[in-house]
Amino acid sequence: MTKQVLTAKDISEICGISESKSYQVIRQLNEELDEKGYLTFRGRVSSAFFYEKMYGMKGGVANE
């Protein structure tokens, strides 16, 4: 089952960055989601939004 939200640890493993940097990424993405009116959770980010912003992917498939 695919995770709906990612934690700093998840992002750290995916991107090969430190957890503190992952928290910065989460904060930035959550600010964007908040501006769009979406509900956000501190320390977690939507996996769909993360993959879309980081890799241009929606639903785990690269946009063509």
PDB file of N, CA and C in Angstrom:
ATOM      1  N   MET A   1       0.829  -1.182   0.000  1.00  0.00           N
ATOM      2  CA  MET A   1       0.000   0.000   0.000  1.00  0.00           C
ATOM      3  C   MET A   1       0.878   1.251   0.000  1.00  0.00           C
ATOM      4  N   THR A   2       0.564   2.198  -0.849  1.00  0.00           N
ATOM      5  CA  THR A   2       1.324   3.437  -0.963  1.00  0.00           C
ATOM      6  C   THR A   2       0.950   4.378   0.172  1.00  0.00           C
ATOM      7  N   LYS A   3       1.959   5.035   0.726  1.00  0.00           N
ATOM      8  CA  LYS A   3       1.719   5.990   1.808  1.00  0.00           C
ATOM      9  C   LYS A   3       1.039   7.238   1.256  1.00  0.00           C
ATOM     10  N   GLN A   4       0.073   7.748   1.996  1.00  0.00           N
ATOM     11  CA  GLN A   4      -0.611   8.983   1.605  1.00  0.00           C
ATOM     12  C   GLN A   4       0.194  10.210   2.008  1.00  0.00           C
ATOM     13  N   VAL A   5       0.942  10.104   3.109  1.00  0.00           N
ATOM     14  CA  VAL A   5       1.781  11.200   3.575  1.00  0.00           C
ATOM     15  C   VAL A   5       3.186  10.683   3.827  1.00  0.00           C
ATOM     16  N   LEU A   6       4.151  11.565   3.674  1.00  0.00           N
ATOM     17  CA  LEU A   6       5.545  11.227   3.910  1.00  0.00           C
ATOM     18  C   LEU A   6       6.060  12.004   5.107  1.00  0.00           C
ATOM     19  N   THR A   7       6.954  11.390   5.858  1.00  0.00           N
ATOM     20  CA  THR A   7       7.597  12.042   6.994  1.00  0.00           C
ATOM     21  C   THR A   7       8.990  12.506   6.567  1.00  0.00           C
ATOM     22  N   ALA A   8       9.652  13.218   7.460  1.00  0.00           N
ATOM     23  CA  ALA A   8      11.013  13.673   7.177  1.00  0.00           C
ATOM     24  C   ALA A   8      11.944  12.485   6.955  1.00  0.00           C
ATOM     25  N   LYS A   9      11.734  11.417   7.704  1.00  0.00           N
ATOM     26  CA  LYS A   9      12.564  10.223   7.540  1.00  0.00           C
ATOM     27  C   LYS A   9      12.367   9.627   6.144  1.00  0.00           C
ATOM     28  N   ASP A  10      11.121   9.567   5.683  1.00  0.00           N
ATOM     29  CA  ASP A  10      10.830   9.046   4.345  1.00  0.00           C
ATOM     30  C   ASP A  10      11.533   9.882   3.271  1.00  0.00           C
ATOM     31  N   ILE A  11      11.390  11.192   3.377  1.00  0.00           N
ATOM     32  CA  ILE A  11      11.985  12.093   2.379  1.00  0.00           C
ATOM     33  C   ILE A  11      13.502  12.013   2.429  1.00  0.00           C
ATOM     34  N   SER A  12      14.053  11.882   3.628  1.00  0.00           N
ATOM     35  CA  SER A  12      15.498  11.742   3.792  1.00  0.00           C
ATOM     36  C   SER A  12      16.009  10.518   3.036  1.00  0.00           C
ATOM     37  N   GLU A  13      15.289   9.400   3.161  1.00  0.00           N
ATOM     38  CA  GLU A  13      15.681   8.168   2.479  1.00  0.00           C
ATOM     39  C   GLU A  13      15.488   8.268   0.968  1.00  0.00           C
ATOM     40  N   ILE A  14      14.408   8.882   0.530  1.00  0.00           N
ATOM     41  CA  ILE A  14      14.124   9.004  -0.898  1.00  0.00           C
ATOM     42  C   ILE A  14      15.160   9.882  -1.596  1.00  0.00           C
ATOM     43  N   CYS A  15      15.485  11.018  -0.967  1.00  0.00           N
ATOM     44  CA  CYS A  15      16.354  12.017  -1.604  1.00  0.00           C
ATOM     45  C   CYS A  15      17.822  11.912  -1.204  1.00  0.00           C
ATOM     46  N   GLY A  16      18.109  11.126  -0.180  1.00  0.00           N
ATOM     47  CA  GLY A  16      19.487  11.014   0.291  1.00  0.00           C
ATOM     48  C   GLY A  16      19.969  12.292   0.960  1.00  0.00           C
ATOM     49  N   ILE A  17      19.085  12.942   1.707  1.00  0.00           N
ATOM     50  CA  ILE A  17      19.427  14.177   2.419  1.00  0.00           C
ATOM     51  C   ILE A  17      19.198  13.968   3.910  1.00  0.00           C
ATOM     52  N   SER A  18      19.676  14.910   4.721  1.00  0.00           N
ATOM     53  CA  SER A  18      19.511  14.793   6.170  1.00  0.00           C
ATOM     54  C   SER A  18      18.048  15.014   6.552  1.00  0.00           C
ATOM     55  N   GLU A  19      17.700  14.536   7.732  1.00  0.00           N
ATOM     56  CA  GLU A  19      16.332  14.731   8.205  1.00  0.00           C
ATOM     57  C   GLU A  19      16.037  16.202   8.445  1.00  0.00           C
ATOM     58  N   SER A  20      17.040  16.974   8.888  1.00  0.00           N
ATOM     59  CA  SER A  20      16.796  18.401   9.112  1.00  0.00           C
ATOM     60  C   SER A  20      16.492  19.109   7.792  1.00  0.00           C
ATOM     61  N   LYS A  21      17.161  18.725   6.721  1.00  0.00           N
ATOM     62  CA  LYS A  21      16.862  19.290   5.405  1.00  0.00           C
ATOM     63  C   LYS A  21      15.482  18.835   4.940  1.00  0.00           C
ATOM     64  N   SER A  22      15.124  17.605   5.269  1.00  0.00           N
ATOM     65  CA  SER A  22      13.801  17.080   4.912  1.00  0.00           C
ATOM     66  C   SER A  22      12.697  17.895   5.565  1.00  0.00           C
ATOM     67  N   TYR A  23      12.913  18.303   6.823  1.00  0.00           N
ATOM     68  CA  TYR A  23      11.923  19.144   7.500  1.00  0.00           C
ATOM     69  C   TYR A  23      11.775  20.484   6.788  1.00  0.00           C
ATOM     70  N   GLN A  24      12.863  21.029   6.263  1.00  0.00           N
ATOM     71  CA  GLN A  24      12.793  22.285   5.503  1.00  0.00           C
ATOM     72  C   GLN A  24      11.966  22.087   4.234  1.00  0.00           C
ATOM     73  N   VAL A  25      12.174  20.961   3.562  1.00  0.00           N
ATOM     74  CA  VAL A  25      11.413  20.641   2.350  1.00  0.00           C
ATOM     75  C   VAL A  25       9.931  20.526   2.687  1.00  0.00           C
ATOM     76  N   ILE A  26       9.621  19.805   3.763  1.00  0.00           N
ATOM     77  CA  ILE A  26       8.227  19.635   4.181  1.00  0.00           C
ATOM     78  C   ILE A  26       7.595  20.985   4.487  1.00  0.00           C
ATOM     79  N   ARG A  27       8.317  21.834   5.205  1.00  0.00           N
ATOM     80  CA  ARG A  27       7.797  23.151   5.556  1.00  0.00           C
ATOM     81  C   ARG A  27       7.471  23.953   4.305  1.00  0.00           C
ATOM     82  N   GLN A  28       8.378  23.931   3.327  1.00  0.00           N
ATOM     83  CA  GLN A  28       8.169  24.667   2.072  1.00  0.00           C
ATOM     84  C   GLN A  28       6.958  24.140   1.305  1.00  0.00           C
ATOM     85  N   LEU A  29       6.861  22.825   1.187  1.00  0.00           N
ATOM     86  CA  LEU A  29       5.734  22.231   0.464  1.00  0.00           C
ATOM     87  C   LEU A  29       4.411  22.488   1.177  1.00  0.00           C
ATOM     88  N   ASN A  30       4.418  22.398   2.510  1.00  0.00           N
ATOM     89  CA  ASN A  30       3.196  22.652   3.264  1.00  0.00           C
ATOM     90  C   ASN A  30       2.763  24.114   3.158  1.00  0.00           C
ATOM     91  N   GLU A  31       3.715  25.039   3.052  1.00  0.00           N
ATOM     92  CA  GLU A  31       3.360  26.444   2.850  1.00  0.00           C
ATOM     93  C   GLU A  31       2.628  26.612   1.518  1.00  0.00           C
ATOM     94  N   GLU A  32       3.122  25.940   0.472  1.00  0.00           N
ATOM     95  CA  GLU A  32       2.461  26.004  -0.833  1.00  0.00           C
ATOM     96  C   GLU A  32       1.047  25.422  -0.757  1.00  0.00           C
ATOM     97  N   LEU A  33       0.910  24.282  -0.096  1.00  0.00           N
ATOM     98  CA  LEU A  33      -0.407  23.664   0.039  1.00  0.00           C
ATOM     99  C   LEU A  33      -1.352  24.544   0.852  1.00  0.00           C
ATOM    100  N   ASP A  34      -0.837  25.149   1.907  1.00  0.00           N
ATOM    101  CA  ASP A  34      -1.644  26.024   2.753  1.00  0.00           C
ATOM    102  C   ASP A  34      -2.161  27.229   1.962  1.00  0.00           C
ATOM    103  N   GLU A  35      -1.305  27.805   1.114  1.00  0.00           N
ATOM    104  CA  GLU A  35      -1.707  28.941   0.277  1.00  0.00           C
ATOM    105  C   GLU A  35      -2.817  28.553  -0.686  1.00  0.00           C
ATOM    106  N   LYS A  36      -2.837  27.291  -1.092  1.00  0.00           N
ATOM    107  CA  LYS A  36      -3.877  26.802  -1.997  1.00  0.00           C
ATOM    108  C   LYS A  36      -5.137  26.375  -1.253  1.00  0.00           C
ATOM    109  N   GLY A  37      -5.104  26.469   0.074  1.00  0.00           N
ATOM    110  CA  GLY A  37      -6.276  26.150   0.869  1.00  0.00           C
ATOM    111  C   GLY A  37      -6.382  24.708   1.334  1.00  0.00           C
ATOM    112  N   TYR A  38      -5.312  23.939   1.200  1.00  0.00           N
ATOM    113  CA  TYR A  38      -5.333  22.539   1.623  1.00  0.00           C
ATOM    114  C   TYR A  38      -4.957  22.408   3.090  1.00  0.00           C
ATOM    115  N   LEU A  39      -5.475  21.389   3.719  1.00  0.00           N
ATOM    116  CA  LEU A  39      -5.147  21.066   5.096  1.00  0.00           C
ATOM    117  C   LEU A  39      -3.745  20.459   5.127  1.00  0.00           C
ATOM    118  N   THR A  40      -2.915  20.908   6.056  1.00  0.00           N
ATOM    119  CA  THR A  40      -1.557  20.373   6.184  1.00  0.00           C
ATOM    120  C   THR A  40      -1.322  19.905   7.606  1.00  0.00           C
ATOM    121  N   PHE A  41      -0.332  19.035   7.761  1.00  0.00           N
ATOM    122  CA  PHE A  41       0.055  18.515   9.061  1.00  0.00           C
ATOM    123  C   PHE A  41       1.543  18.764   9.257  1.00  0.00           C
ATOM    124  N   ARG A  42       1.868  19.319  10.398  1.00  0.00           N
ATOM    125  CA  ARG A  42       3.258  19.629  10.707  1.00  0.00           C
ATOM    126  C   ARG A  42       4.101  18.348  10.680  1.00  0.00           C
ATOM    127  N   GLY A  43       5.225  18.405   9.954  1.00  0.00           N
ATOM    128  CA  GLY A  43       6.137  17.263   9.892  1.00  0.00           C
ATOM    129  C   GLY A  43       5.741  16.184   8.908  1.00  0.00           C
ATOM    130  N   ARG A  44       4.675  16.429   8.147  1.00  0.00           N
ATOM    131  CA  ARG A  44       4.214  15.462   7.142  1.00  0.00           C
ATOM    132  C   ARG A  44       3.766  16.218   5.904  1.00  0.00           C
ATOM    133  N   VAL A  45       3.903  15.563   4.757  1.00  0.00           N
ATOM    134  CA  VAL A  45       3.457  16.178   3.510  1.00  0.00           C
ATOM    135  C   VAL A  45       2.813  15.118   2.630  1.00  0.00           C
ATOM    136  N   SER A  46       1.872  15.546   1.828  1.00  0.00           N
ATOM    137  CA  SER A  46       1.200  14.648   0.888  1.00  0.00           C
ATOM    138  C   SER A  46       2.235  14.021  -0.044  1.00  0.00           C
ATOM    139  N   SER A  47       2.200  12.709  -0.154  1.00  0.00           N
ATOM    140  CA  SER A  47       3.160  12.035  -1.035  1.00  0.00           C
ATOM    141  C   SER A  47       2.910  12.414  -2.496  1.00  0.00           C
ATOM    142  N   ALA A  48       1.647  12.565  -2.877  1.00  0.00           N
ATOM    143  CA  ALA A  48       1.332  12.938  -4.260  1.00  0.00           C
ATOM    144  C   ALA A  48       1.917  14.312  -4.592  1.00  0.00           C
ATOM    145  N   PHE A  49       1.762  15.269  -3.680  1.00  0.00           N
ATOM    146  CA  PHE A  49       2.291  16.614  -3.916  1.00  0.00           C
ATOM    147  C   PHE A  49       3.817  16.598  -3.920  1.00  0.00           C
ATOM    148  N   PHE A  50       4.419  15.826  -3.035  1.00  0.00           N
ATOM    149  CA  PHE A  50       5.879  15.711  -2.993  1.00  0.00           C
ATOM    150  C   PHE A  50       6.425  15.207  -4.325  1.00  0.00           C
ATOM    151  N   TYR A  51       5.874  14.095  -4.815  1.00  0.00           N
ATOM    152  CA  TYR A  51       6.375  13.523  -6.069  1.00  0.00           C
ATOM    153  C   TYR A  51       6.104  14.446  -7.258  1.00  0.00           C
ATOM    154  N   GLU A  52       4.984  15.140  -7.235  1.00  0.00           N
ATOM    155  CA  GLU A  52       4.674  16.089  -8.311  1.00  0.00           C
ATOM    156  C   GLU A  52       5.683  17.230  -8.333  1.00  0.00           C
ATOM    157  N   LYS A  53       5.994  17.789  -7.175  1.00  0.00           N
ATOM    158  CA  LYS A  53       6.914  18.929  -7.098  1.00  0.00           C
ATOM    159  C   LYS A  53       8.369  18.524  -7.298  1.00  0.00           C
ATOM    160  N   MET A  54       8.748  17.364  -6.796  1.00  0.00           N
ATOM    161  CA  MET A  54      10.153  16.955  -6.861  1.00  0.00           C
ATOM    162  C   MET A  54      10.526  16.309  -8.187  1.00  0.00           C
ATOM    163  N   TYR A  55       9.621  15.550  -8.746  1.00  0.00           N
ATOM    164  CA  TYR A  55       9.983  14.762  -9.921  1.00  0.00           C
ATOM    165  C   TYR A  55       9.032  14.933 -11.094  1.00  0.00           C
ATOM    166  N   GLY A  56       8.060  15.824 -10.977  1.00  0.00           N
ATOM    167  CA  GLY A  56       7.097  16.014 -12.069  1.00  0.00           C
ATOM    168  C   GLY A  56       6.235  14.791 -12.280  1.00  0.00           C
ATOM    169  N   MET A  57       5.969  14.061 -11.191  1.00  0.00           N
ATOM    170  CA  MET A  57       5.195  12.834 -11.285  1.00  0.00           C
ATOM    171  C   MET A  57       3.838  12.992 -10.622  1.00  0.00           C
ATOM    172  N   LYS A  58       2.841  12.360 -11.188  1.00  0.00           N
ATOM    173  CA  LYS A  58       1.516  12.296 -10.562  1.00  0.00           C
ATOM    174  C   LYS A  58       1.149  10.836 -10.466  1.00  0.00           C
ATOM    175  N   GLY A  59       0.781  10.416  -9.275  1.00  0.00           N
ATOM    176  CA  GLY A  59       0.389   9.014  -9.078  1.00  0.00           C
ATOM    177  C   GLY A  59       1.514   8.029  -9.315  1.00  0.00           C
ATOM    178  N   GLY A  60       2.775   8.466  -9.148  1.00  0.00           N
ATOM    179  CA  GLY A  60       3.921   7.583  -9.292  1.00  0.00           C
ATOM    180  C   GLY A  60       4.364   7.365 -10.719  1.00  0.00           C
ATOM    181  N   VAL A  61       3.805   8.120 -11.683  1.00  0.00           N
ATOM    182  CA  VAL A  61       4.169   7.982 -13.097  1.00  0.00           C
ATOM    183  C   VAL A  61       4.662   9.337 -13.600  1.00  0.00           C
ATOM    184  N   ALA A  62       5.779   9.356 -14.276  1.00  0.00           N
ATOM    185  CA  ALA A  62       6.345  10.609 -14.790  1.00  0.00           C
ATOM    186  C   ALA A  62       5.409  11.233 -15.811  1.00  0.00           C
ATOM    187  N   ASN A  63       5.285  12.550 -15.732  1.00  0.00           N
ATOM    188  CA  ASN A  63       4.476  13.274 -16.727  1.00  0.00           C
ATOM    189  C   ASN A  63       5.170  13.271 -18.073  1.00  0.00           C
ATOM    190  N   GLU A  64       4.417  13.094 -19.105  1.00  0.00           N
ATOM    191  CA  GLU A  64       4.996  13.070 -20.457  1.00  0.00           C
ATOM    192  C   GLU A  64       4.436  14.189 -21.290  1.00  0.00           C
TER     193      GLU A  64
END
